[in-house]
Amino acid sequence: IKPYPTKIRENLYAMEINVEYEIEKNWDSIIKYLKTLFRSKG
């Protein structure tokens, strides 16, 4: 089963989430800003 909808049989799909990919996909700009902010504090 992939980290996206994988067909098992008729009408049935499954997926197993890849957390690292999800974070990069959804919140990359926020996380980059926070990294910069924390680095600016030493």
PDB file of all heavy atoms in Angstrom:
ATOM      1  N   ILE A   1       0.852  -1.195   0.000  1.00  0.00           N
ATOM      2  CA  ILE A   1       0.000   0.000   0.000  1.00  0.00           C
ATOM      3  C   ILE A   1       0.887   1.244   0.000  1.00  0.00           C
ATOM      4  O   ILE A   1       1.828   1.353   0.773  1.00  0.00           O
ATOM      5  CB  ILE A   1      -0.944  -0.012   1.221  1.00  0.00           C
ATOM      6  CG1 ILE A   1      -1.934  -1.182   1.086  1.00  0.00           C
ATOM      7  CG2 ILE A   1      -1.699   1.301   1.343  1.00  0.00           C
ATOM      8  CD1 ILE A   1      -2.807  -1.400   2.304  1.00  0.00           C
ATOM      9  N   LYS A   2       0.566   2.185  -0.850  1.00  0.00           N
ATOM     10  CA  LYS A   2       1.364   3.399  -1.063  1.00  0.00           C
ATOM     11  C   LYS A   2       0.890   4.535  -0.144  1.00  0.00           C
ATOM     12  O   LYS A   2      -0.159   4.443   0.487  1.00  0.00           O
ATOM     13  CB  LYS A   2       1.236   3.847  -2.524  1.00  0.00           C
ATOM     14  CG  LYS A   2       1.549   2.760  -3.537  1.00  0.00           C
ATOM     15  CD  LYS A   2       3.008   2.394  -3.521  1.00  0.00           C
ATOM     16  CE  LYS A   2       3.333   1.383  -4.608  1.00  0.00           C
ATOM     17  NZ  LYS A   2       4.746   0.951  -4.553  1.00  0.00           N
ATOM     18  N   PRO A   3       1.645   5.660  -0.109  1.00  0.00           N
ATOM     19  CA  PRO A   3       1.196   6.826   0.664  1.00  0.00           C
ATOM     20  C   PRO A   3       0.173   7.668  -0.086  1.00  0.00           C
ATOM     21  O   PRO A   3       0.017   8.851   0.182  1.00  0.00           O
ATOM     22  CB  PRO A   3       2.496   7.604   0.901  1.00  0.00           C
ATOM     23  CG  PRO A   3       3.382   7.215  -0.207  1.00  0.00           C
ATOM     24  CD  PRO A   3       3.037   5.803  -0.558  1.00  0.00           C
ATOM     25  N   TYR A   4      -0.499   7.083  -1.009  1.00  0.00           N
ATOM     26  CA  TYR A   4      -1.612   7.698  -1.741  1.00  0.00           C
ATOM     27  C   TYR A   4      -2.629   6.586  -2.002  1.00  0.00           C
ATOM     28  O   TYR A   4      -2.309   5.390  -1.835  1.00  0.00           O
ATOM     29  CB  TYR A   4      -1.132   8.342  -3.051  1.00  0.00           C
ATOM     30  CG  TYR A   4      -0.242   7.461  -3.900  1.00  0.00           C
ATOM     31  CD1 TYR A   4      -0.787   6.488  -4.756  1.00  0.00           C
ATOM     32  CD2 TYR A   4       1.148   7.583  -3.847  1.00  0.00           C
ATOM     33  CE1 TYR A   4       0.023   5.669  -5.528  1.00  0.00           C
ATOM     34  CE2 TYR A   4       1.962   6.770  -4.616  1.00  0.00           C
ATOM     35  CZ  TYR A   4       1.396   5.819  -5.457  1.00  0.00           C
ATOM     36  OH  TYR A   4       2.206   5.009  -6.217  1.00  0.00           O
ATOM     37  N   PRO A   5      -3.877   6.906  -2.374  1.00  0.00           N
ATOM     38  CA  PRO A   5      -4.902   5.862  -2.515  1.00  0.00           C
ATOM     39  C   PRO A   5      -4.480   4.726  -3.450  1.00  0.00           C
ATOM     40  O   PRO A   5      -4.149   4.945  -4.607  1.00  0.00           O
ATOM     41  CB  PRO A   5      -6.099   6.635  -3.081  1.00  0.00           C
ATOM     42  CG  PRO A   5      -5.922   8.013  -2.561  1.00  0.00           C
ATOM     43  CD  PRO A   5      -4.444   8.259  -2.567  1.00  0.00           C
ATOM     44  N   THR A   6      -4.447   3.523  -2.897  1.00  0.00           N
ATOM     45  CA  THR A   6      -4.050   2.314  -3.625  1.00  0.00           C
ATOM     46  C   THR A   6      -5.259   1.397  -3.752  1.00  0.00           C
ATOM     47  O   THR A   6      -5.883   1.055  -2.739  1.00  0.00           O
ATOM     48  CB  THR A   6      -2.933   1.572  -2.858  1.00  0.00           C
ATOM     49  OG1 THR A   6      -1.873   2.486  -2.563  1.00  0.00           O
ATOM     50  CG2 THR A   6      -2.415   0.397  -3.659  1.00  0.00           C
ATOM     51  N   LYS A   7      -5.608   1.002  -4.974  1.00  0.00           N
ATOM     52  CA  LYS A   7      -6.800   0.165  -5.165  1.00  0.00           C
ATOM     53  C   LYS A   7      -6.552  -1.255  -4.663  1.00  0.00           C
ATOM     54  O   LYS A   7      -5.569  -1.905  -5.025  1.00  0.00           O
ATOM     55  CB  LYS A   7      -7.211   0.149  -6.639  1.00  0.00           C
ATOM     56  CG  LYS A   7      -8.561  -0.529  -6.856  1.00  0.00           C
ATOM     57  CD  LYS A   7      -9.115  -0.261  -8.242  1.00  0.00           C
ATOM     58  CE  LYS A   7     -10.526  -0.861  -8.383  1.00  0.00           C
ATOM     59  NZ  LYS A   7     -11.126  -0.570  -9.701  1.00  0.00           N
ATOM     60  N   ILE A   8      -7.457  -1.729  -3.815  1.00  0.00           N
ATOM     61  CA  ILE A   8      -7.372  -3.089  -3.275  1.00  0.00           C
ATOM     62  C   ILE A   8      -8.279  -4.024  -4.074  1.00  0.00           C
ATOM     63  O   ILE A   8      -7.876  -5.103  -4.500  1.00  0.00           O
ATOM     64  CB  ILE A   8      -7.791  -3.118  -1.785  1.00  0.00           C
ATOM     65  CG1 ILE A   8      -6.950  -2.126  -0.957  1.00  0.00           C
ATOM     66  CG2 ILE A   8      -7.675  -4.531  -1.207  1.00  0.00           C
ATOM     67  CD1 ILE A   8      -5.470  -2.427  -0.925  1.00  0.00           C
ATOM     68  N   ARG A   9      -9.483  -3.599  -4.268  1.00  0.00           N
ATOM     69  CA  ARG A   9     -10.464  -4.305  -5.098  1.00  0.00           C
ATOM     70  C   ARG A   9     -11.564  -3.314  -5.476  1.00  0.00           C
ATOM     71  O   ARG A   9     -11.429  -2.125  -5.184  1.00  0.00           O
ATOM     72  CB  ARG A   9     -11.034  -5.530  -4.374  1.00  0.00           C
ATOM     73  CG  ARG A   9     -11.712  -5.229  -3.045  1.00  0.00           C
ATOM     74  CD  ARG A   9     -12.444  -6.447  -2.481  1.00  0.00           C
ATOM     75  NE  ARG A   9     -11.535  -7.477  -2.007  1.00  0.00           N
ATOM     76  CZ  ARG A   9     -11.945  -8.591  -1.429  1.00  0.00           C
ATOM     77  NH1 ARG A   9     -13.257  -8.815  -1.269  1.00  0.00           N
ATOM     78  NH2 ARG A   9     -11.091  -9.502  -1.001  1.00  0.00           N
ATOM     79  N   GLU A  10     -12.626  -3.769  -6.092  1.00  0.00           N
ATOM     80  CA  GLU A  10     -13.674  -2.853  -6.525  1.00  0.00           C
ATOM     81  C   GLU A  10     -14.238  -2.071  -5.332  1.00  0.00           C
ATOM     82  O   GLU A  10     -14.570  -2.643  -4.293  1.00  0.00           O
ATOM     83  CB  GLU A  10     -14.810  -3.633  -7.207  1.00  0.00           C
ATOM     84  CG  GLU A  10     -15.870  -2.721  -7.815  1.00  0.00           C
ATOM     85  CD  GLU A  10     -16.984  -3.486  -8.505  1.00  0.00           C
ATOM     86  OE1 GLU A  10     -16.957  -4.735  -8.511  1.00  0.00           O
ATOM     87  OE2 GLU A  10     -17.888  -2.828  -9.037  1.00  0.00           O
ATOM     88  N   ASN A  11     -14.321  -0.751  -5.475  1.00  0.00           N
ATOM     89  CA  ASN A  11     -14.853   0.170  -4.455  1.00  0.00           C
ATOM     90  C   ASN A  11     -13.980   0.301  -3.217  1.00  0.00           C
ATOM     91  O   ASN A  11     -14.353   1.012  -2.272  1.00  0.00           O
ATOM     92  CB  ASN A  11     -16.264  -0.242  -3.992  1.00  0.00           C
ATOM     93  CG  ASN A  11     -17.313   0.017  -5.049  1.00  0.00           C
ATOM     94  OD1 ASN A  11     -17.192   0.962  -5.822  1.00  0.00           O
ATOM     95  ND2 ASN A  11     -18.331  -0.826  -5.099  1.00  0.00           N
ATOM     96  N   LEU A  12     -12.820  -0.350  -3.184  1.00  0.00           N
ATOM     97  CA  LEU A  12     -12.000  -0.322  -1.967  1.00  0.00           C
ATOM     98  C   LEU A  12     -10.577   0.164  -2.256  1.00  0.00           C
ATOM     99  O   LEU A  12      -9.884  -0.378  -3.119  1.00  0.00           O
ATOM    100  CB  LEU A  12     -11.942  -1.720  -1.337  1.00  0.00           C
ATOM    101  CG  LEU A  12     -11.117  -1.838  -0.045  1.00  0.00           C
ATOM    102  CD1 LEU A  12     -11.659  -0.921   1.044  1.00  0.00           C
ATOM    103  CD2 LEU A  12     -11.080  -3.287   0.445  1.00  0.00           C
ATOM    104  N   TYR A  13     -10.167   1.199  -1.488  1.00  0.00           N
ATOM    105  CA  TYR A  13      -8.826   1.768  -1.604  1.00  0.00           C
ATOM    106  C   TYR A  13      -8.209   1.857  -0.208  1.00  0.00           C
ATOM    107  O   TYR A  13      -8.914   1.891   0.796  1.00  0.00           O
ATOM    108  CB  TYR A  13      -8.879   3.170  -2.220  1.00  0.00           C
ATOM    109  CG  TYR A  13      -9.393   3.183  -3.646  1.00  0.00           C
ATOM    110  CD1 TYR A  13     -10.754   3.076  -3.909  1.00  0.00           C
ATOM    111  CD2 TYR A  13      -8.510   3.293  -4.728  1.00  0.00           C
ATOM    112  CE1 TYR A  13     -11.236   3.071  -5.217  1.00  0.00           C
ATOM    113  CE2 TYR A  13      -8.985   3.294  -6.033  1.00  0.00           C
ATOM    114  CZ  TYR A  13     -10.342   3.184  -6.280  1.00  0.00           C
ATOM    115  OH  TYR A  13     -10.811   3.179  -7.564  1.00  0.00           O
ATOM    116  N   ALA A  14      -6.884   1.911  -0.173  1.00  0.00           N
ATOM    117  CA  ALA A  14      -6.178   2.037   1.103  1.00  0.00           C
ATOM    118  C   ALA A  14      -4.941   2.908   0.908  1.00  0.00           C
ATOM    119  O   ALA A  14      -4.418   3.015  -0.209  1.00  0.00           O
ATOM    120  CB  ALA A  14      -5.788   0.663   1.634  1.00  0.00           C
ATOM    121  N   MET A  15      -4.489   3.528   1.997  1.00  0.00           N
ATOM    122  CA  MET A  15      -3.231   4.290   1.939  1.00  0.00           C
ATOM    123  C   MET A  15      -2.572   4.312   3.311  1.00  0.00           C
ATOM    124  O   MET A  15      -3.242   4.276   4.347  1.00  0.00           O
ATOM    125  CB  MET A  15      -3.449   5.711   1.410  1.00  0.00           C
ATOM    126  CG  MET A  15      -4.282   6.615   2.287  1.00  0.00           C
ATOM    127  SD  MET A  15      -4.477   8.280   1.579  1.00  0.00           S
ATOM    128  CE  MET A  15      -2.831   8.932   1.799  1.00  0.00           C
ATOM    129  N   GLU A  16      -1.234   4.337   3.294  1.00  0.00           N
ATOM    130  CA  GLU A  16      -0.445   4.458   4.515  1.00  0.00           C
ATOM    131  C   GLU A  16       0.347   5.762   4.426  1.00  0.00           C
ATOM    132  O   GLU A  16       1.135   5.958   3.496  1.00  0.00           O
ATOM    133  CB  GLU A  16       0.483   3.257   4.686  1.00  0.00           C
ATOM    134  CG  GLU A  16      -0.281   1.975   4.932  1.00  0.00           C
ATOM    135  CD  GLU A  16       0.611   0.761   5.116  1.00  0.00           C
ATOM    136  OE1 GLU A  16       1.764   0.785   4.651  1.00  0.00           O
ATOM    137  OE2 GLU A  16       0.130  -0.222   5.714  1.00  0.00           O
ATOM    138  N   ILE A  17       0.139   6.643   5.387  1.00  0.00           N
ATOM    139  CA  ILE A  17       0.650   8.006   5.300  1.00  0.00           C
ATOM    140  C   ILE A  17       2.158   8.073   5.540  1.00  0.00           C
ATOM    141  O   ILE A  17       2.677   7.455   6.474  1.00  0.00           O
ATOM    142  CB  ILE A  17      -0.092   8.914   6.301  1.00  0.00           C
ATOM    143  CG1 ILE A  17      -1.546   9.073   5.857  1.00  0.00           C
ATOM    144  CG2 ILE A  17       0.567  10.277   6.428  1.00  0.00           C
ATOM    145  CD1 ILE A  17      -2.448   9.640   6.893  1.00  0.00           C
ATOM    146  N   ASN A  18       2.836   8.843   4.678  1.00  0.00           N
ATOM    147  CA  ASN A  18       4.260   9.140   4.830  1.00  0.00           C
ATOM    148  C   ASN A  18       4.371  10.518   5.474  1.00  0.00           C
ATOM    149  O   ASN A  18       4.148  11.540   4.823  1.00  0.00           O
ATOM    150  CB  ASN A  18       4.950   9.112   3.459  1.00  0.00           C
ATOM    151  CG  ASN A  18       6.444   9.353   3.567  1.00  0.00           C
ATOM    152  OD1 ASN A  18       6.898  10.186   4.340  1.00  0.00           O
ATOM    153  ND2 ASN A  18       7.207   8.607   2.786  1.00  0.00           N
ATOM    154  N   VAL A  19       4.702  10.558   6.763  1.00  0.00           N
ATOM    155  CA  VAL A  19       4.642  11.797   7.536  1.00  0.00           C
ATOM    156  C   VAL A  19       5.621  12.853   7.017  1.00  0.00           C
ATOM    157  O   VAL A  19       5.271  14.030   6.893  1.00  0.00           O
ATOM    158  CB  VAL A  19       4.901  11.510   9.035  1.00  0.00           C
ATOM    159  CG1 VAL A  19       5.016  12.803   9.816  1.00  0.00           C
ATOM    160  CG2 VAL A  19       3.791  10.651   9.606  1.00  0.00           C
ATOM    161  N   GLU A  20       6.851  12.466   6.706  1.00  0.00           N
ATOM    162  CA  GLU A  20       7.850  13.439   6.241  1.00  0.00           C
ATOM    163  C   GLU A  20       7.391  14.118   4.953  1.00  0.00           C
ATOM    164  O   GLU A  20       7.538  15.331   4.785  1.00  0.00           O
ATOM    165  CB  GLU A  20       9.199  12.747   6.030  1.00  0.00           C
ATOM    166  CG  GLU A  20       9.850  12.304   7.340  1.00  0.00           C
ATOM    167  CD  GLU A  20      11.171  11.601   7.096  1.00  0.00           C
ATOM    168  OE1 GLU A  20      11.618  11.555   5.935  1.00  0.00           O
ATOM    169  OE2 GLU A  20      11.752  11.116   8.077  1.00  0.00           O
ATOM    170  N   TYR A  21       6.845  13.327   4.056  1.00  0.00           N
ATOM    171  CA  TYR A  21       6.342  13.891   2.800  1.00  0.00           C
ATOM    172  C   TYR A  21       5.194  14.862   3.065  1.00  0.00           C
ATOM    173  O   TYR A  21       5.111  15.923   2.457  1.00  0.00           O
ATOM    174  CB  TYR A  21       5.880  12.756   1.884  1.00  0.00           C
ATOM    175  CG  TYR A  21       5.097  13.217   0.674  1.00  0.00           C
ATOM    176  CD1 TYR A  21       5.730  13.791  -0.416  1.00  0.00           C
ATOM    177  CD2 TYR A  21       3.708  13.081   0.633  1.00  0.00           C
ATOM    178  CE1 TYR A  21       5.015  14.222  -1.525  1.00  0.00           C
ATOM    179  CE2 TYR A  21       2.981  13.518  -0.463  1.00  0.00           C
ATOM    180  CZ  TYR A  21       3.644  14.074  -1.535  1.00  0.00           C
ATOM    181  OH  TYR A  21       2.918  14.508  -2.619  1.00  0.00           O
ATOM    182  N   GLU A  22       4.303  14.495   3.989  1.00  0.00           N
ATOM    183  CA  GLU A  22       3.138  15.338   4.297  1.00  0.00           C
ATOM    184  C   GLU A  22       3.555  16.685   4.880  1.00  0.00           C
ATOM    185  O   GLU A  22       3.011  17.730   4.508  1.00  0.00           O
ATOM    186  CB  GLU A  22       2.208  14.617   5.289  1.00  0.00           C
ATOM    187  CG  GLU A  22       1.588  13.350   4.766  1.00  0.00           C
ATOM    188  CD  GLU A  22       0.646  13.588   3.609  1.00  0.00           C
ATOM    189  OE1 GLU A  22       0.123  14.704   3.469  1.00  0.00           O
ATOM    190  OE2 GLU A  22       0.434  12.648   2.830  1.00  0.00           O
ATOM    191  N   ILE A  23       4.537  16.673   5.792  1.00  0.00           N
ATOM    192  CA  ILE A  23       4.992  17.920   6.396  1.00  0.00           C
ATOM    193  C   ILE A  23       5.614  18.827   5.338  1.00  0.00           C
ATOM    194  O   ILE A  23       5.331  20.022   5.271  1.00  0.00           O
ATOM    195  CB  ILE A  23       6.003  17.629   7.530  1.00  0.00           C
ATOM    196  CG1 ILE A  23       5.292  16.956   8.707  1.00  0.00           C
ATOM    197  CG2 ILE A  23       6.696  18.909   7.987  1.00  0.00           C
ATOM    198  CD1 ILE A  23       6.217  16.518   9.804  1.00  0.00           C
ATOM    199  N   GLU A  24       6.461  18.255   4.498  1.00  0.00           N
ATOM    200  CA  GLU A  24       7.108  19.035   3.440  1.00  0.00           C
ATOM    201  C   GLU A  24       6.082  19.600   2.458  1.00  0.00           C
ATOM    202  O   GLU A  24       6.179  20.749   2.017  1.00  0.00           O
ATOM    203  CB  GLU A  24       8.116  18.155   2.696  1.00  0.00           C
ATOM    204  CG  GLU A  24       8.906  18.901   1.644  1.00  0.00           C
ATOM    205  CD  GLU A  24       9.925  18.014   0.965  1.00  0.00           C
ATOM    206  OE1 GLU A  24      10.333  16.979   1.542  1.00  0.00           O
ATOM    207  OE2 GLU A  24      10.324  18.354  -0.163  1.00  0.00           O
ATOM    208  N   LYS A  25       5.072  18.812   2.158  1.00  0.00           N
ATOM    209  CA  LYS A  25       4.057  19.221   1.189  1.00  0.00           C
ATOM    210  C   LYS A  25       3.137  20.309   1.741  1.00  0.00           C
ATOM    211  O   LYS A  25       2.775  21.252   1.034  1.00  0.00           O
ATOM    212  CB  LYS A  25       3.229  17.985   0.795  1.00  0.00           C
ATOM    213  CG  LYS A  25       2.107  18.269  -0.192  1.00  0.00           C
ATOM    214  CD  LYS A  25       1.344  16.977  -0.470  1.00  0.00           C
ATOM    215  CE  LYS A  25       0.128  17.237  -1.344  1.00  0.00           C
ATOM    216  NZ  LYS A  25      -0.682  16.025  -1.545  1.00  0.00           N
ATOM    217  N   ASN A  26       2.754  20.204   3.013  1.00  0.00           N
ATOM    218  CA  ASN A  26       1.732  21.084   3.572  1.00  0.00           C
ATOM    219  C   ASN A  26       2.264  22.345   4.252  1.00  0.00           C
ATOM    220  O   ASN A  26       1.608  23.382   4.221  1.00  0.00           O
ATOM    221  CB  ASN A  26       0.865  20.314   4.587  1.00  0.00           C
ATOM    222  CG  ASN A  26      -0.071  19.322   3.910  1.00  0.00           C
ATOM    223  OD1 ASN A  26      -1.019  19.712   3.247  1.00  0.00           O
ATOM    224  ND2 ASN A  26       0.214  18.045   4.070  1.00  0.00           N
ATOM    225  N   TRP A  27       3.435  22.258   4.891  1.00  0.00           N
ATOM    226  CA  TRP A  27       3.872  23.370   5.736  1.00  0.00           C
ATOM    227  C   TRP A  27       5.310  23.800   5.501  1.00  0.00           C
ATOM    228  O   TRP A  27       5.976  24.311   6.393  1.00  0.00           O
ATOM    229  CB  TRP A  27       3.667  22.999   7.209  1.00  0.00           C
ATOM    230  CG  TRP A  27       2.255  22.659   7.501  1.00  0.00           C
ATOM    231  CD1 TRP A  27       1.169  23.466   7.328  1.00  0.00           C
ATOM    232  CD2 TRP A  27       1.753  21.415   7.971  1.00  0.00           C
ATOM    233  NE1 TRP A  27       0.028  22.799   7.682  1.00  0.00           N
ATOM    234  CE2 TRP A  27       0.355  21.531   8.078  1.00  0.00           C
ATOM    235  CE3 TRP A  27       2.350  20.208   8.325  1.00  0.00           C
ATOM    236  CZ2 TRP A  27      -0.454  20.504   8.516  1.00  0.00           C
ATOM    237  CZ3 TRP A  27       1.552  19.181   8.757  1.00  0.00           C
ATOM    238  CH2 TRP A  27       0.157  19.337   8.847  1.00  0.00           C
ATOM    239  N   ASP A  28       5.799  23.625   4.302  1.00  0.00           N
ATOM    240  CA  ASP A  28       7.199  23.918   4.013  1.00  0.00           C
ATOM    241  C   ASP A  28       7.539  25.387   4.306  1.00  0.00           C
ATOM    242  O   ASP A  28       8.548  25.692   4.935  1.00  0.00           O
ATOM    243  CB  ASP A  28       7.504  23.584   2.544  1.00  0.00           C
ATOM    244  CG  ASP A  28       8.986  23.673   2.241  1.00  0.00           C
ATOM    245  OD1 ASP A  28       9.762  23.072   2.986  1.00  0.00           O
ATOM    246  OD2 ASP A  28       9.356  24.366   1.269  1.00  0.00           O
ATOM    247  N   SER A  29       6.682  26.327   3.858  1.00  0.00           N
ATOM    248  CA  SER A  29       6.989  27.755   4.024  1.00  0.00           C
ATOM    249  C   SER A  29       6.970  28.160   5.501  1.00  0.00           C
ATOM    250  O   SER A  29       7.802  28.949   5.954  1.00  0.00           O
ATOM    251  CB  SER A  29       6.008  28.620   3.225  1.00  0.00           C
ATOM    252  OG  SER A  29       4.677  28.410   3.666  1.00  0.00           O
ATOM    253  N   ILE A  30       6.004  27.600   6.274  1.00  0.00           N
ATOM    254  CA  ILE A  30       5.931  27.924   7.708  1.00  0.00           C
ATOM    255  C   ILE A  30       7.172  27.406   8.431  1.00  0.00           C
ATOM    256  O   ILE A  30       7.786  28.112   9.236  1.00  0.00           O
ATOM    257  CB  ILE A  30       4.665  27.311   8.350  1.00  0.00           C
ATOM    258  CG1 ILE A  30       3.403  27.907   7.717  1.00  0.00           C
ATOM    259  CG2 ILE A  30       4.661  27.553   9.857  1.00  0.00           C
ATOM    260  CD1 ILE A  30       2.121  27.275   8.214  1.00  0.00           C
ATOM    261  N   ILE A  31       7.555  26.176   8.119  1.00  0.00           N
ATOM    262  CA  ILE A  31       8.690  25.562   8.800  1.00  0.00           C
ATOM    263  C   ILE A  31       9.993  26.286   8.451  1.00  0.00           C
ATOM    264  O   ILE A  31      10.846  26.503   9.309  1.00  0.00           O
ATOM    265  CB  ILE A  31       8.761  24.058   8.467  1.00  0.00           C
ATOM    266  CG1 ILE A  31       7.599  23.336   9.177  1.00  0.00           C
ATOM    267  CG2 ILE A  31      10.084  23.448   8.885  1.00  0.00           C
ATOM    268  CD1 ILE A  31       7.442  21.891   8.834  1.00  0.00           C
ATOM    269  N   LYS A  32      10.144  26.696   7.192  1.00  0.00           N
ATOM    270  CA  LYS A  32      11.344  27.454   6.803  1.00  0.00           C
ATOM    271  C   LYS A  32      11.427  28.773   7.571  1.00  0.00           C
ATOM    272  O   LYS A  32      12.501  29.178   8.016  1.00  0.00           O
ATOM    273  CB  LYS A  32      11.325  27.716   5.291  1.00  0.00           C
ATOM    274  CG  LYS A  32      11.748  26.513   4.453  1.00  0.00           C
ATOM    275  CD  LYS A  32      11.724  26.848   2.961  1.00  0.00           C
ATOM    276  CE  LYS A  32      12.167  25.641   2.143  1.00  0.00           C
ATOM    277  NZ  LYS A  32      12.065  25.895   0.676  1.00  0.00           N
ATOM    278  N   TYR A  33      10.289  29.462   7.719  1.00  0.00           N
ATOM    279  CA  TYR A  33      10.272  30.717   8.470  1.00  0.00           C
ATOM    280  C   TYR A  33      10.663  30.479   9.933  1.00  0.00           C
ATOM    281  O   TYR A  33      11.460  31.232  10.515  1.00  0.00           O
ATOM    282  CB  TYR A  33       8.888  31.381   8.393  1.00  0.00           C
ATOM    283  CG  TYR A  33       8.694  32.454   9.440  1.00  0.00           C
ATOM    284  CD1 TYR A  33       9.416  33.645   9.375  1.00  0.00           C
ATOM    285  CD2 TYR A  33       7.825  32.262  10.511  1.00  0.00           C
ATOM    286  CE1 TYR A  33       9.272  34.628  10.358  1.00  0.00           C
ATOM    287  CE2 TYR A  33       7.670  33.230  11.489  1.00  0.00           C
ATOM    288  CZ  TYR A  33       8.399  34.405  11.402  1.00  0.00           C
ATOM    289  OH  TYR A  33       8.254  35.369  12.380  1.00  0.00           O
ATOM    290  N   LEU A  34      10.089  29.431  10.548  1.00  0.00           N
ATOM    291  CA  LEU A  34      10.390  29.159  11.956  1.00  0.00           C
ATOM    292  C   LEU A  34      11.859  28.800  12.153  1.00  0.00           C
ATOM    293  O   LEU A  34      12.482  29.196  13.149  1.00  0.00           O
ATOM    294  CB  LEU A  34       9.485  28.029  12.474  1.00  0.00           C
ATOM    295  CG  LEU A  34       7.995  28.385  12.611  1.00  0.00           C
ATOM    296  CD1 LEU A  34       7.188  27.165  12.992  1.00  0.00           C
ATOM    297  CD2 LEU A  34       7.788  29.500  13.625  1.00  0.00           C
ATOM    298  N   LYS A  35      12.433  28.066  11.196  1.00  0.00           N
ATOM    299  CA  LYS A  35      13.865  27.752  11.274  1.00  0.00           C
ATOM    300  C   LYS A  35      14.688  29.040  11.281  1.00  0.00           C
ATOM    301  O   LYS A  35      15.611  29.209  12.083  1.00  0.00           O
ATOM    302  CB  LYS A  35      14.286  26.884  10.084  1.00  0.00           C
ATOM    303  CG  LYS A  35      13.832  25.442  10.135  1.00  0.00           C
ATOM    304  CD  LYS A  35      14.301  24.719   8.884  1.00  0.00           C
ATOM    305  CE  LYS A  35      13.726  23.314   8.813  1.00  0.00           C
ATOM    306  NZ  LYS A  35      14.081  22.644   7.539  1.00  0.00           N
ATOM    307  N   THR A  36      14.340  29.958  10.358  1.00  0.00           N
ATOM    308  CA  THR A  36      15.048  31.239  10.273  1.00  0.00           C
ATOM    309  C   THR A  36      14.885  32.037  11.563  1.00  0.00           C
ATOM    310  O   THR A  36      15.838  32.638  12.072  1.00  0.00           O
ATOM    311  CB  THR A  36      14.510  32.065   9.080  1.00  0.00           C
ATOM    312  OG1 THR A  36      14.613  31.288   7.886  1.00  0.00           O
ATOM    313  CG2 THR A  36      15.292  33.351   8.910  1.00  0.00           C
ATOM    314  N   LEU A  37      13.652  32.040  12.108  1.00  0.00           N
ATOM    315  CA  LEU A  37      13.368  32.765  13.346  1.00  0.00           C
ATOM    316  C   LEU A  37      14.206  32.230  14.500  1.00  0.00           C
ATOM    317  O   LEU A  37      14.824  32.989  15.249  1.00  0.00           O
ATOM    318  CB  LEU A  37      11.871  32.652  13.671  1.00  0.00           C
ATOM    319  CG  LEU A  37      11.397  33.289  14.986  1.00  0.00           C
ATOM    320  CD1 LEU A  37      11.602  34.801  14.955  1.00  0.00           C
ATOM    321  CD2 LEU A  37       9.925  32.951  15.247  1.00  0.00           C
ATOM    322  N   PHE A  38      14.247  30.907  14.649  1.00  0.00           N
ATOM    323  CA  PHE A  38      14.991  30.308  15.756  1.00  0.00           C
ATOM    324  C   PHE A  38      16.500  30.493  15.583  1.00  0.00           C
ATOM    325  O   PHE A  38      17.227  30.682  16.562  1.00  0.00           O
ATOM    326  CB  PHE A  38      14.635  28.829  15.899  1.00  0.00           C
ATOM    327  CG  PHE A  38      13.217  28.583  16.342  1.00  0.00           C
ATOM    328  CD1 PHE A  38      12.446  27.581  15.751  1.00  0.00           C
ATOM    329  CD2 PHE A  38      12.644  29.351  17.339  1.00  0.00           C
ATOM    330  CE1 PHE A  38      11.131  27.366  16.153  1.00  0.00           C
ATOM    331  CE2 PHE A  38      11.336  29.141  17.751  1.00  0.00           C
ATOM    332  CZ  PHE A  38      10.579  28.144  17.154  1.00  0.00           C
ATOM    333  N   ARG A  39      16.978  30.438  14.343  1.00  0.00           N
ATOM    334  CA  ARG A  39      18.411  30.688  14.101  1.00  0.00           C
ATOM    335  C   ARG A  39      18.775  32.118  14.469  1.00  0.00           C
ATOM    336  O   ARG A  39      19.873  32.380  14.973  1.00  0.00           O
ATOM    337  CB  ARG A  39      18.746  30.419  12.629  1.00  0.00           C
ATOM    338  CG  ARG A  39      18.774  28.937  12.247  1.00  0.00           C
ATOM    339  CD  ARG A  39      19.289  28.768  10.838  1.00  0.00           C
ATOM    340  NE  ARG A  39      19.062  27.402  10.368  1.00  0.00           N
ATOM    341  CZ  ARG A  39      18.293  27.087   9.312  1.00  0.00           C
ATOM    342  NH1 ARG A  39      17.685  28.050   8.619  1.00  0.00           N
ATOM    343  NH2 ARG A  39      18.136  25.837   8.963  1.00  0.00           N
ATOM    344  N   SER A  40      17.850  33.061  14.211  1.00  0.00           N
ATOM    345  CA  SER A  40      18.120  34.463  14.518  1.00  0.00           C
ATOM    346  C   SER A  40      18.257  34.694  16.018  1.00  0.00           C
ATOM    347  O   SER A  40      18.793  35.711  16.460  1.00  0.00           O
ATOM    348  CB  SER A  40      17.008  35.363  13.951  1.00  0.00           C
ATOM    349  OG  SER A  40      15.825  35.263  14.738  1.00  0.00           O
ATOM    350  N   LYS A  41      17.751  33.738  16.799  1.00  0.00           N
ATOM    351  CA  LYS A  41      17.850  33.833  18.257  1.00  0.00           C
ATOM    352  C   LYS A  41      19.082  33.100  18.797  1.00  0.00           C
ATOM    353  O   LYS A  41      19.216  32.896  20.005  1.00  0.00           O
ATOM    354  CB  LYS A  41      16.588  33.260  18.910  1.00  0.00           C
ATOM    355  CG  LYS A  41      15.309  34.025  18.551  1.00  0.00           C
ATOM    356  CD  LYS A  41      15.376  35.459  18.992  1.00  0.00           C
ATOM    357  CE  LYS A  41      14.105  36.221  18.660  1.00  0.00           C
ATOM    358  NZ  LYS A  41      14.201  37.653  19.039  1.00  0.00           N
ATOM    359  N   GLY A  42      19.940  32.644  17.873  1.00  0.00           N
ATOM    360  CA  GLY A  42      21.206  32.041  18.294  1.00  0.00           C
ATOM    361  C   GLY A  42      21.209  30.537  18.409  1.00  0.00           C
ATOM    362  O   GLY A  42      22.203  29.947  18.841  1.00  0.00           O
TER     363      GLY A  42
END
